[in-house]
Amino acid sequence: DFAATKGKWEVLLKCGDPSVADVGASFSTATTANGWFGMP
């Protein structure tokens, strides 16, 4: 119910370049070098 006053939240995605370990992005491993993004 979108009008509810309570709900649950979950993390979907952390953005940035997943090839850089310090960034800590969480795209799936199927995401290519073209597929990642930042600043949604």
Full PDB file with SEQRES, HELIX, SHEET, SSBOND, CRYST1, ORIGX, SCALE, CONECT and MASTER records, all heavy atoms in Angstrom:
SEQRES   1 A   40  ASP PHE ALA ALA THR LYS GLY LYS TRP GLU VAL LEU LEU          
SEQRES   2 A   40  LYS CYS GLY ASP PRO SER VAL ALA ASP VAL GLY ALA SER          
SEQRES   3 A   40  PHE SER THR ALA THR THR ALA ASN GLY TRP PHE GLY MET          
SEQRES   4 A   40  PRO                                                          
HELIX    1 AA1 ALA A   21  VAL A   23  5                                   3    
CRYST1    1.000    1.000    1.000  90.00  90.00  90.00 P 1           1          
ORIGX1      1.000000  0.000000  0.000000        0.00000                         
ORIGX2      0.000000  1.000000  0.000000        0.00000                         
ORIGX3      0.000000  0.000000  1.000000        0.00000                         
SCALE1      1.000000  0.000000  0.000000        0.00000                         
SCALE2      0.000000  1.000000  0.000000        0.00000                         
SCALE3      0.000000  0.000000  1.000000        0.00000                         
ATOM      1  N   ASP A   1       0.851  -1.191   0.000  1.00  0.00           N  
ATOM      2  CA  ASP A   1       0.000   0.000   0.000  1.00  0.00           C  
ATOM      3  C   ASP A   1       0.885   1.238   0.000  1.00  0.00           C  
ATOM      4  O   ASP A   1       1.569   1.533   0.982  1.00  0.00           O  
ATOM      5  CB  ASP A   1      -0.901  -0.015   1.235  1.00  0.00           C  
ATOM      6  CG  ASP A   1      -1.846   1.173   1.291  1.00  0.00           C  
ATOM      7  OD1 ASP A   1      -1.851   1.975   0.334  1.00  0.00           O  
ATOM      8  OD2 ASP A   1      -2.570   1.294   2.300  1.00  0.00           O  
ATOM      9  N   PHE A   2       0.864   1.982  -1.105  1.00  0.00           N  
ATOM     10  CA  PHE A   2       1.721   3.161  -1.212  1.00  0.00           C  
ATOM     11  C   PHE A   2       1.371   4.238  -0.189  1.00  0.00           C  
ATOM     12  O   PHE A   2       2.198   5.102   0.100  1.00  0.00           O  
ATOM     13  CB  PHE A   2       1.657   3.728  -2.632  1.00  0.00           C  
ATOM     14  CG  PHE A   2       2.295   2.844  -3.667  1.00  0.00           C  
ATOM     15  CD1 PHE A   2       1.515   2.107  -4.550  1.00  0.00           C  
ATOM     16  CD2 PHE A   2       3.669   2.746  -3.764  1.00  0.00           C  
ATOM     17  CE1 PHE A   2       2.105   1.288  -5.506  1.00  0.00           C  
ATOM     18  CE2 PHE A   2       4.275   1.923  -4.717  1.00  0.00           C  
ATOM     19  CZ  PHE A   2       3.482   1.191  -5.586  1.00  0.00           C  
ATOM     20  N   ALA A   3       0.180   4.203   0.368  1.00  0.00           N  
ATOM     21  CA  ALA A   3      -0.218   5.182   1.374  1.00  0.00           C  
ATOM     22  C   ALA A   3       0.164   4.756   2.788  1.00  0.00           C  
ATOM     23  O   ALA A   3      -0.101   5.479   3.747  1.00  0.00           O  
ATOM     24  CB  ALA A   3      -1.724   5.428   1.305  1.00  0.00           C  
ATOM     25  N   ALA A   4       0.813   3.601   2.945  1.00  0.00           N  
ATOM     26  CA  ALA A   4       1.175   3.100   4.269  1.00  0.00           C  
ATOM     27  C   ALA A   4       2.149   4.043   4.966  1.00  0.00           C  
ATOM     28  O   ALA A   4       2.906   4.771   4.312  1.00  0.00           O  
ATOM     29  CB  ALA A   4       1.779   1.704   4.155  1.00  0.00           C  
ATOM     30  N   THR A   5       2.165   3.989   6.272  1.00  0.00           N  
ATOM     31  CA  THR A   5       3.080   4.828   7.042  1.00  0.00           C  
ATOM     32  C   THR A   5       4.332   4.070   7.475  1.00  0.00           C  
ATOM     33  O   THR A   5       5.196   4.644   8.142  1.00  0.00           O  
ATOM     34  CB  THR A   5       2.380   5.397   8.284  1.00  0.00           C  
ATOM     35  OG1 THR A   5       1.870   4.324   9.075  1.00  0.00           O  
ATOM     36  CG2 THR A   5       1.248   6.319   7.879  1.00  0.00           C  
ATOM     37  N   LYS A   6       4.429   2.795   7.089  1.00  0.00           N  
ATOM     38  CA  LYS A   6       5.626   2.010   7.376  1.00  0.00           C  
ATOM     39  C   LYS A   6       5.936   1.120   6.179  1.00  0.00           C  
ATOM     40  O   LYS A   6       5.078   0.854   5.339  1.00  0.00           O  
ATOM     41  CB  LYS A   6       5.440   1.157   8.631  1.00  0.00           C  
ATOM     42  CG  LYS A   6       5.339   1.966   9.913  1.00  0.00           C  
ATOM     43  CD  LYS A   6       5.268   1.062  11.143  1.00  0.00           C  
ATOM     44  CE  LYS A   6       5.203   1.893  12.413  1.00  0.00           C  
ATOM     45  NZ  LYS A   6       5.138   1.041  13.636  1.00  0.00           N  
ATOM     46  N   GLY A   7       7.174   0.648   6.120  1.00  0.00           N  
ATOM     47  CA  GLY A   7       7.578  -0.247   5.060  1.00  0.00           C  
ATOM     48  C   GLY A   7       8.945  -0.817   5.343  1.00  0.00           C  
ATOM     49  O   GLY A   7       9.480  -0.678   6.443  1.00  0.00           O  
ATOM     50  N   LYS A   8       9.521  -1.465   4.341  1.00  0.00           N  
ATOM     51  CA  LYS A   8      10.866  -2.021   4.423  1.00  0.00           C  
ATOM     52  C   LYS A   8      11.721  -1.408   3.326  1.00  0.00           C  
ATOM     53  O   LYS A   8      11.231  -1.108   2.238  1.00  0.00           O  
ATOM     54  CB  LYS A   8      10.833  -3.542   4.250  1.00  0.00           C  
ATOM     55  CG  LYS A   8      10.042  -4.284   5.323  1.00  0.00           C  
ATOM     56  CD  LYS A   8      10.735  -4.212   6.681  1.00  0.00           C  
ATOM     57  CE  LYS A   8       9.992  -5.034   7.726  1.00  0.00           C  
ATOM     58  NZ  LYS A   8      10.631  -4.926   9.062  1.00  0.00           N  
ATOM     59  N   TRP A   9      13.000  -1.231   3.644  1.00  0.00           N  
ATOM     60  CA  TRP A   9      13.903  -0.730   2.624  1.00  0.00           C  
ATOM     61  C   TRP A   9      15.034  -1.711   2.402  1.00  0.00           C  
ATOM     62  O   TRP A   9      15.406  -2.474   3.299  1.00  0.00           O  
ATOM     63  CB  TRP A   9      14.464   0.642   2.987  1.00  0.00           C  
ATOM     64  CG  TRP A   9      15.374   0.669   4.198  1.00  0.00           C  
ATOM     65  CD1 TRP A   9      15.009   0.835   5.499  1.00  0.00           C  
ATOM     66  CD2 TRP A   9      16.794   0.530   4.200  1.00  0.00           C  
ATOM     67  NE1 TRP A   9      16.107   0.810   6.313  1.00  0.00           N  
ATOM     68  CE2 TRP A   9      17.227   0.618   5.546  1.00  0.00           C  
ATOM     69  CE3 TRP A   9      17.748   0.330   3.200  1.00  0.00           C  
ATOM     70  CZ2 TRP A   9      18.566   0.520   5.911  1.00  0.00           C  
ATOM     71  CZ3 TRP A   9      19.089   0.230   3.567  1.00  0.00           C  
ATOM     72  CH2 TRP A   9      19.481   0.339   4.908  1.00  0.00           C  
ATOM     73  N   GLU A  10      15.553  -1.713   1.200  1.00  0.00           N  
ATOM     74  CA  GLU A  10      16.668  -2.574   0.832  1.00  0.00           C  
ATOM     75  C   GLU A  10      17.576  -1.821  -0.115  1.00  0.00           C  
ATOM     76  O   GLU A  10      17.145  -0.959  -0.874  1.00  0.00           O  
ATOM     77  CB  GLU A  10      16.140  -3.861   0.178  1.00  0.00           C  
ATOM     78  CG  GLU A  10      17.197  -4.924  -0.059  1.00  0.00           C  
ATOM     79  CD  GLU A  10      17.922  -5.301   1.210  1.00  0.00           C  
ATOM     80  OE1 GLU A  10      17.448  -6.160   1.964  1.00  0.00           O  
ATOM     81  OE2 GLU A  10      18.999  -4.690   1.444  1.00  0.00           O  
ATOM     82  N   VAL A  11      18.850  -2.144  -0.074  1.00  0.00           N  
ATOM     83  CA  VAL A  11      19.810  -1.562  -0.988  1.00  0.00           C  
ATOM     84  C   VAL A  11      19.724  -2.285  -2.325  1.00  0.00           C  
ATOM     85  O   VAL A  11      19.741  -3.506  -2.368  1.00  0.00           O  
ATOM     86  CB  VAL A  11      21.228  -1.676  -0.405  1.00  0.00           C  
ATOM     87  CG1 VAL A  11      22.284  -1.338  -1.446  1.00  0.00           C  
ATOM     88  CG2 VAL A  11      21.357  -0.779   0.805  1.00  0.00           C  
ATOM     89  N   LEU A  12      19.628  -1.528  -3.401  1.00  0.00           N  
ATOM     90  CA  LEU A  12      19.610  -2.111  -4.734  1.00  0.00           C  
ATOM     91  C   LEU A  12      20.978  -2.055  -5.386  1.00  0.00           C  
ATOM     92  O   LEU A  12      21.458  -3.046  -5.933  1.00  0.00           O  
ATOM     93  CB  LEU A  12      18.587  -1.394  -5.612  1.00  0.00           C  
ATOM     94  CG  LEU A  12      18.569  -1.799  -7.086  1.00  0.00           C  
ATOM     95  CD1 LEU A  12      18.178  -3.253  -7.244  1.00  0.00           C  
ATOM     96  CD2 LEU A  12      17.630  -0.901  -7.880  1.00  0.00           C  
ATOM     97  N   LEU A  13      21.620  -0.888  -5.325  1.00  0.00           N  
ATOM     98  CA  LEU A  13      22.830  -0.708  -6.118  1.00  0.00           C  
ATOM     99  C   LEU A  13      23.687   0.402  -5.540  1.00  0.00           C  
ATOM    100  O   LEU A  13      23.192   1.459  -5.155  1.00  0.00           O  
ATOM    101  CB  LEU A  13      22.431  -0.362  -7.552  1.00  0.00           C  
ATOM    102  CG  LEU A  13      23.518  -0.339  -8.611  1.00  0.00           C  
ATOM    103  CD1 LEU A  13      24.140  -1.717  -8.785  1.00  0.00           C  
ATOM    104  CD2 LEU A  13      22.933   0.131  -9.935  1.00  0.00           C  
ATOM    105  N   LYS A  14      24.982   0.164  -5.463  1.00  0.00           N  
ATOM    106  CA  LYS A  14      25.968   1.187  -5.151  1.00  0.00           C  
ATOM    107  C   LYS A  14      26.742   1.480  -6.429  1.00  0.00           C  
ATOM    108  O   LYS A  14      27.238   0.562  -7.088  1.00  0.00           O  
ATOM    109  CB  LYS A  14      26.896   0.714  -4.041  1.00  0.00           C  
ATOM    110  CG  LYS A  14      27.941   1.736  -3.653  1.00  0.00           C  
ATOM    111  CD  LYS A  14      28.550   1.482  -2.274  1.00  0.00           C  
ATOM    112  CE  LYS A  14      29.114   0.104  -2.133  1.00  0.00           C  
ATOM    113  NZ  LYS A  14      29.830  -0.047  -0.842  1.00  0.00           N  
ATOM    114  N   CYS A  15      26.866   2.749  -6.778  1.00  0.00           N  
ATOM    115  CA  CYS A  15      27.341   3.134  -8.109  1.00  0.00           C  
ATOM    116  C   CYS A  15      28.840   3.407  -8.131  1.00  0.00           C  
ATOM    117  O   CYS A  15      29.477   3.593  -7.101  1.00  0.00           O  
ATOM    118  CB  CYS A  15      26.575   4.354  -8.592  1.00  0.00           C  
ATOM    119  SG  CYS A  15      24.788   4.110  -8.597  1.00  0.00           S  
ATOM    120  N   GLY A  16      29.385   3.456  -9.342  1.00  0.00           N  
ATOM    121  CA  GLY A  16      30.801   3.694  -9.542  1.00  0.00           C  
ATOM    122  C   GLY A  16      31.433   2.557 -10.319  1.00  0.00           C  
ATOM    123  O   GLY A  16      30.776   1.573 -10.675  1.00  0.00           O  
ATOM    124  N   ASP A  17      32.717   2.685 -10.575  1.00  0.00           N  
ATOM    125  CA  ASP A  17      33.445   1.710 -11.385  1.00  0.00           C  
ATOM    126  C   ASP A  17      33.759   0.466 -10.555  1.00  0.00           C  
ATOM    127  O   ASP A  17      34.570   0.516  -9.635  1.00  0.00           O  
ATOM    128  CB  ASP A  17      34.743   2.349 -11.890  1.00  0.00           C  
ATOM    129  CG  ASP A  17      35.503   1.463 -12.865  1.00  0.00           C  
ATOM    130  OD1 ASP A  17      35.142   0.284 -13.006  1.00  0.00           O  
ATOM    131  OD2 ASP A  17      36.457   1.966 -13.486  1.00  0.00           O  
ATOM    132  N   PRO A  18      33.143  -0.676 -10.868  1.00  0.00           N  
ATOM    133  CA  PRO A  18      33.384  -1.879 -10.066  1.00  0.00           C  
ATOM    134  C   PRO A  18      34.775  -2.459 -10.235  1.00  0.00           C  
ATOM    135  O   PRO A  18      35.183  -3.310  -9.443  1.00  0.00           O  
ATOM    136  CB  PRO A  18      32.311  -2.854 -10.569  1.00  0.00           C  
ATOM    137  CG  PRO A  18      31.971  -2.388 -11.932  1.00  0.00           C  
ATOM    138  CD  PRO A  18      32.150  -0.911 -11.930  1.00  0.00           C  
ATOM    139  N   SER A  19      35.529  -2.008 -11.243  1.00  0.00           N  
ATOM    140  CA  SER A  19      36.885  -2.522 -11.429  1.00  0.00           C  
ATOM    141  C   SER A  19      37.879  -1.878 -10.476  1.00  0.00           C  
ATOM    142  O   SER A  19      39.023  -2.336 -10.368  1.00  0.00           O  
ATOM    143  CB  SER A  19      37.342  -2.305 -12.873  1.00  0.00           C  
ATOM    144  OG  SER A  19      37.580  -0.930 -13.135  1.00  0.00           O  
ATOM    145  N   VAL A  20      37.470  -0.819  -9.798  1.00  0.00           N  
ATOM    146  CA  VAL A  20      38.324  -0.144  -8.822  1.00  0.00           C  
ATOM    147  C   VAL A  20      37.872  -0.571  -7.435  1.00  0.00           C  
ATOM    148  O   VAL A  20      36.802  -0.177  -6.967  1.00  0.00           O  
ATOM    149  CB  VAL A  20      38.243   1.387  -8.976  1.00  0.00           C  
ATOM    150  CG1 VAL A  20      39.150   2.072  -7.960  1.00  0.00           C  
ATOM    151  CG2 VAL A  20      38.608   1.798 -10.400  1.00  0.00           C  
ATOM    152  N   ALA A  21      38.677  -1.376  -6.771  1.00  0.00           N  
ATOM    153  CA  ALA A  21      38.254  -1.996  -5.516  1.00  0.00           C  
ATOM    154  C   ALA A  21      37.854  -0.964  -4.474  1.00  0.00           C  
ATOM    155  O   ALA A  21      36.886  -1.159  -3.727  1.00  0.00           O  
ATOM    156  CB  ALA A  21      39.371  -2.887  -4.976  1.00  0.00           C  
ATOM    157  N   ASP A  22      38.574   0.154  -4.403  1.00  0.00           N  
ATOM    158  CA  ASP A  22      38.289   1.148  -3.373  1.00  0.00           C  
ATOM    159  C   ASP A  22      36.937   1.822  -3.550  1.00  0.00           C  
ATOM    160  O   ASP A  22      36.396   2.396  -2.610  1.00  0.00           O  
ATOM    161  CB  ASP A  22      39.386   2.222  -3.366  1.00  0.00           C  
ATOM    162  CG  ASP A  22      40.706   1.704  -2.817  1.00  0.00           C  
ATOM    163  OD1 ASP A  22      40.704   0.614  -2.207  1.00  0.00           O  
ATOM    164  OD2 ASP A  22      41.739   2.381  -3.021  1.00  0.00           O  
ATOM    165  N   VAL A  23      36.397   1.774  -4.760  1.00  0.00           N  
ATOM    166  CA  VAL A  23      35.088   2.385  -5.007  1.00  0.00           C  
ATOM    167  C   VAL A  23      33.986   1.581  -4.329  1.00  0.00           C  
ATOM    168  O   VAL A  23      33.013   2.135  -3.821  1.00  0.00           O  
ATOM    169  CB  VAL A  23      34.835   2.506  -6.526  1.00  0.00           C  
ATOM    170  CG1 VAL A  23      33.389   2.898  -6.820  1.00  0.00           C  
ATOM    171  CG2 VAL A  23      35.778   3.541  -7.127  1.00  0.00           C  
ATOM    172  N   GLY A  24      34.093   0.267  -4.327  1.00  0.00           N  
ATOM    173  CA  GLY A  24      33.109  -0.573  -3.652  1.00  0.00           C  
ATOM    174  C   GLY A  24      31.760  -0.617  -4.323  1.00  0.00           C  
ATOM    175  O   GLY A  24      30.733  -0.761  -3.666  1.00  0.00           O  
ATOM    176  N   ALA A  25      31.730  -0.498  -5.665  1.00  0.00           N  
ATOM    177  CA  ALA A  25      30.455  -0.556  -6.383  1.00  0.00           C  
ATOM    178  C   ALA A  25      29.872  -1.964  -6.320  1.00  0.00           C  
ATOM    179  O   ALA A  25      30.590  -2.945  -6.126  1.00  0.00           O  
ATOM    180  CB  ALA A  25      30.654  -0.127  -7.831  1.00  0.00           C  
ATOM    181  N   SER A  26      28.542  -2.060  -6.508  1.00  0.00           N  
ATOM    182  CA  SER A  26      27.874  -3.352  -6.341  1.00  0.00           C  
ATOM    183  C   SER A  26      27.054  -3.763  -7.562  1.00  0.00           C  
ATOM    184  O   SER A  26      26.040  -4.420  -7.436  1.00  0.00           O  
ATOM    185  CB  SER A  26      26.983  -3.330  -5.097  1.00  0.00           C  
ATOM    186  OG  SER A  26      25.979  -2.342  -5.216  1.00  0.00           O  
ATOM    187  N   PHE A  27      27.493  -3.369  -8.759  1.00  0.00           N  
ATOM    188  CA  PHE A  27      26.855  -3.879  -9.966  1.00  0.00           C  
ATOM    189  C   PHE A  27      27.075  -5.392 -10.059  1.00  0.00           C  
ATOM    190  O   PHE A  27      28.054  -5.927  -9.536  1.00  0.00           O  
ATOM    191  CB  PHE A  27      27.446  -3.216 -11.213  1.00  0.00           C  
ATOM    192  CG  PHE A  27      27.107  -1.763 -11.352  1.00  0.00           C  
ATOM    193  CD1 PHE A  27      27.967  -0.791 -10.868  1.00  0.00           C  
ATOM    194  CD2 PHE A  27      25.935  -1.367 -11.966  1.00  0.00           C  
ATOM    195  CE1 PHE A  27      27.665   0.560 -10.991  1.00  0.00           C  
ATOM    196  CE2 PHE A  27      25.621  -0.025 -12.101  1.00  0.00           C  
ATOM    197  CZ  PHE A  27      26.483   0.943 -11.612  1.00  0.00           C  
ATOM    198  N   SER A  28      26.176  -6.079 -10.753  1.00  0.00           N  
ATOM    199  CA  SER A  28      26.350  -7.518 -10.946  1.00  0.00           C  
ATOM    200  C   SER A  28      27.588  -7.782 -11.790  1.00  0.00           C  
ATOM    201  O   SER A  28      28.055  -6.906 -12.531  1.00  0.00           O  
ATOM    202  CB  SER A  28      25.122  -8.118 -11.630  1.00  0.00           C  
ATOM    203  OG  SER A  28      25.174  -7.881 -13.032  1.00  0.00           O  
ATOM    204  N   THR A  29      28.096  -9.009 -11.711  1.00  0.00           N  
ATOM    205  CA  THR A  29      29.272  -9.364 -12.498  1.00  0.00           C  
ATOM    206  C   THR A  29      28.979  -9.402 -13.990  1.00  0.00           C  
ATOM    207  O   THR A  29      29.898  -9.414 -14.805  1.00  0.00           O  
ATOM    208  CB  THR A  29      29.820 -10.727 -12.050  1.00  0.00           C  
ATOM    209  OG1 THR A  29      28.775 -11.710 -12.155  1.00  0.00           O  
ATOM    210  CG2 THR A  29      30.323 -10.669 -10.620  1.00  0.00           C  
ATOM    211  N   ALA A  30      27.699  -9.415 -14.368  1.00  0.00           N  
ATOM    212  CA  ALA A  30      27.333  -9.385 -15.784  1.00  0.00           C  
ATOM    213  C   ALA A  30      27.409  -7.986 -16.375  1.00  0.00           C  
ATOM    214  O   ALA A  30      27.310  -7.813 -17.590  1.00  0.00           O  
ATOM    215  CB  ALA A  30      25.919  -9.942 -15.970  1.00  0.00           C  
ATOM    216  N   THR A  31      27.592  -6.981 -15.537  1.00  0.00           N  
ATOM    217  CA  THR A  31      27.691  -5.596 -16.015  1.00  0.00           C  
ATOM    218  C   THR A  31      29.059  -5.391 -16.659  1.00  0.00           C  
ATOM    219  O   THR A  31      30.091  -5.694 -16.063  1.00  0.00           O  
ATOM    220  CB  THR A  31      27.500  -4.605 -14.853  1.00  0.00           C  
ATOM    221  OG1 THR A  31      26.209  -4.812 -14.282  1.00  0.00           O  
ATOM    222  CG2 THR A  31      27.606  -3.176 -15.337  1.00  0.00           C  
ATOM    223  N   THR A  32      29.068  -4.860 -17.871  1.00  0.00           N  
ATOM    224  CA  THR A  32      30.318  -4.679 -18.610  1.00  0.00           C  
ATOM    225  C   THR A  32      31.016  -3.386 -18.205  1.00  0.00           C  
ATOM    226  O   THR A  32      30.495  -2.588 -17.420  1.00  0.00           O  
ATOM    227  CB  THR A  32      30.043  -4.625 -20.118  1.00  0.00           C  
ATOM    228  OG1 THR A  32      29.405  -3.370 -20.439  1.00  0.00           O  
ATOM    229  CG2 THR A  32      29.163  -5.791 -20.566  1.00  0.00           C  
ATOM    230  N   ALA A  33      32.176  -3.158 -18.810  1.00  0.00           N  
ATOM    231  CA  ALA A  33      32.911  -1.915 -18.558  1.00  0.00           C  
ATOM    232  C   ALA A  33      32.138  -0.701 -19.052  1.00  0.00           C  
ATOM    233  O   ALA A  33      32.369   0.422 -18.584  1.00  0.00           O  
ATOM    234  CB  ALA A  33      34.278  -1.981 -19.237  1.00  0.00           C  
ATOM    235  N   ASN A  34      31.220  -0.897 -19.998  1.00  0.00           N  
ATOM    236  CA  ASN A  34      30.375   0.200 -20.471  1.00  0.00           C  
ATOM    237  C   ASN A  34      29.138   0.383 -19.603  1.00  0.00           C  
ATOM    238  O   ASN A  34      28.515   1.442 -19.625  1.00  0.00           O  
ATOM    239  CB  ASN A  34      29.922  -0.074 -21.910  1.00  0.00           C  
ATOM    240  CG  ASN A  34      31.076  -0.159 -22.875  1.00  0.00           C  
ATOM    241  OD1 ASN A  34      31.936   0.714 -22.908  1.00  0.00           O  
ATOM    242  ND2 ASN A  34      31.114  -1.222 -23.674  1.00  0.00           N  
ATOM    243  N   GLY A  35      28.776  -0.638 -18.852  1.00  0.00           N  
ATOM    244  CA  GLY A  35      27.483  -0.651 -18.175  1.00  0.00           C  
ATOM    245  C   GLY A  35      27.429   0.023 -16.836  1.00  0.00           C  
ATOM    246  O   GLY A  35      26.352   0.392 -16.375  1.00  0.00           O  
ATOM    247  N   TRP A  36      28.576   0.215 -16.183  1.00  0.00           N  
ATOM    248  CA  TRP A  36      28.508   0.861 -14.872  1.00  0.00           C  
ATOM    249  C   TRP A  36      28.316   2.367 -15.030  1.00  0.00           C  
ATOM    250  O   TRP A  36      28.635   2.944 -16.056  1.00  0.00           O  
ATOM    251  CB  TRP A  36      29.755   0.555 -14.047  1.00  0.00           C  
ATOM    252  CG  TRP A  36      31.036   1.176 -14.552  1.00  0.00           C  
ATOM    253  CD1 TRP A  36      31.973   0.592 -15.353  1.00  0.00           C  
ATOM    254  CD2 TRP A  36      31.525   2.498 -14.283  1.00  0.00           C  
ATOM    255  NE1 TRP A  36      33.005   1.451 -15.611  1.00  0.00           N  
ATOM    256  CE2 TRP A  36      32.765   2.639 -14.957  1.00  0.00           C  
ATOM    257  CE3 TRP A  36      31.056   3.579 -13.545  1.00  0.00           C  
ATOM    258  CZ2 TRP A  36      33.528   3.801 -14.909  1.00  0.00           C  
ATOM    259  CZ3 TRP A  36      31.809   4.750 -13.496  1.00  0.00           C  
ATOM    260  CH2 TRP A  36      33.021   4.845 -14.175  1.00  0.00           C  
ATOM    261  N   PHE A  37      27.810   3.009 -14.006  1.00  0.00           N  
ATOM    262  CA  PHE A  37      27.603   4.457 -14.025  1.00  0.00           C  
ATOM    263  C   PHE A  37      27.752   5.014 -12.620  1.00  0.00           C  
ATOM    264  O   PHE A  37      27.745   4.284 -11.623  1.00  0.00           O  
ATOM    265  CB  PHE A  37      26.232   4.826 -14.593  1.00  0.00           C  
ATOM    266  CG  PHE A  37      25.069   4.230 -13.841  1.00  0.00           C  
ATOM    267  CD1 PHE A  37      24.550   4.847 -12.711  1.00  0.00           C  
ATOM    268  CD2 PHE A  37      24.488   3.039 -14.266  1.00  0.00           C  
ATOM    269  CE1 PHE A  37      23.487   4.298 -12.015  1.00  0.00           C  
ATOM    270  CE2 PHE A  37      23.425   2.481 -13.581  1.00  0.00           C  
ATOM    271  CZ  PHE A  37      22.917   3.108 -12.454  1.00  0.00           C  
ATOM    272  N   GLY A  38      27.872   6.316 -12.560  1.00  0.00           N  
ATOM    273  CA  GLY A  38      27.883   7.027 -11.294  1.00  0.00           C  
ATOM    274  C   GLY A  38      26.906   8.174 -11.333  1.00  0.00           C  
ATOM    275  O   GLY A  38      26.418   8.571 -12.380  1.00  0.00           O  
ATOM    276  N   MET A  39      26.599   8.733 -10.175  1.00  0.00           N  
ATOM    277  CA  MET A  39      25.745   9.907 -10.021  1.00  0.00           C  
ATOM    278  C   MET A  39      24.345   9.730 -10.603  1.00  0.00           C  
ATOM    279  O   MET A  39      23.927  10.464 -11.498  1.00  0.00           O  
ATOM    280  CB  MET A  39      26.399  11.153 -10.627  1.00  0.00           C  
ATOM    281  CG  MET A  39      27.644  11.622  -9.894  1.00  0.00           C  
ATOM    282  SD  MET A  39      29.077  10.507 -10.050  1.00  0.00           S  
ATOM    283  CE  MET A  39      29.606  10.848 -11.708  1.00  0.00           C  
ATOM    284  N   PRO A  40      23.591   8.719 -10.155  1.00  0.00           N  
ATOM    285  CA  PRO A  40      22.209   8.567 -10.628  1.00  0.00           C  
ATOM    286  C   PRO A  40      21.386   9.793 -10.281  1.00  0.00           C  
ATOM    287  O   PRO A  40      21.492  10.324  -9.171  1.00  0.00           O  
ATOM    288  CB  PRO A  40      21.718   7.326  -9.881  1.00  0.00           C  
ATOM    289  CG  PRO A  40      22.553   7.285  -8.644  1.00  0.00           C  
ATOM    290  CD  PRO A  40      23.903   7.798  -9.049  1.00  0.00           C  
TER     291      PRO A  40                                                      
MASTER        0    0    0    1    0    0    0    6  290    1    0    4          
END                                                                             
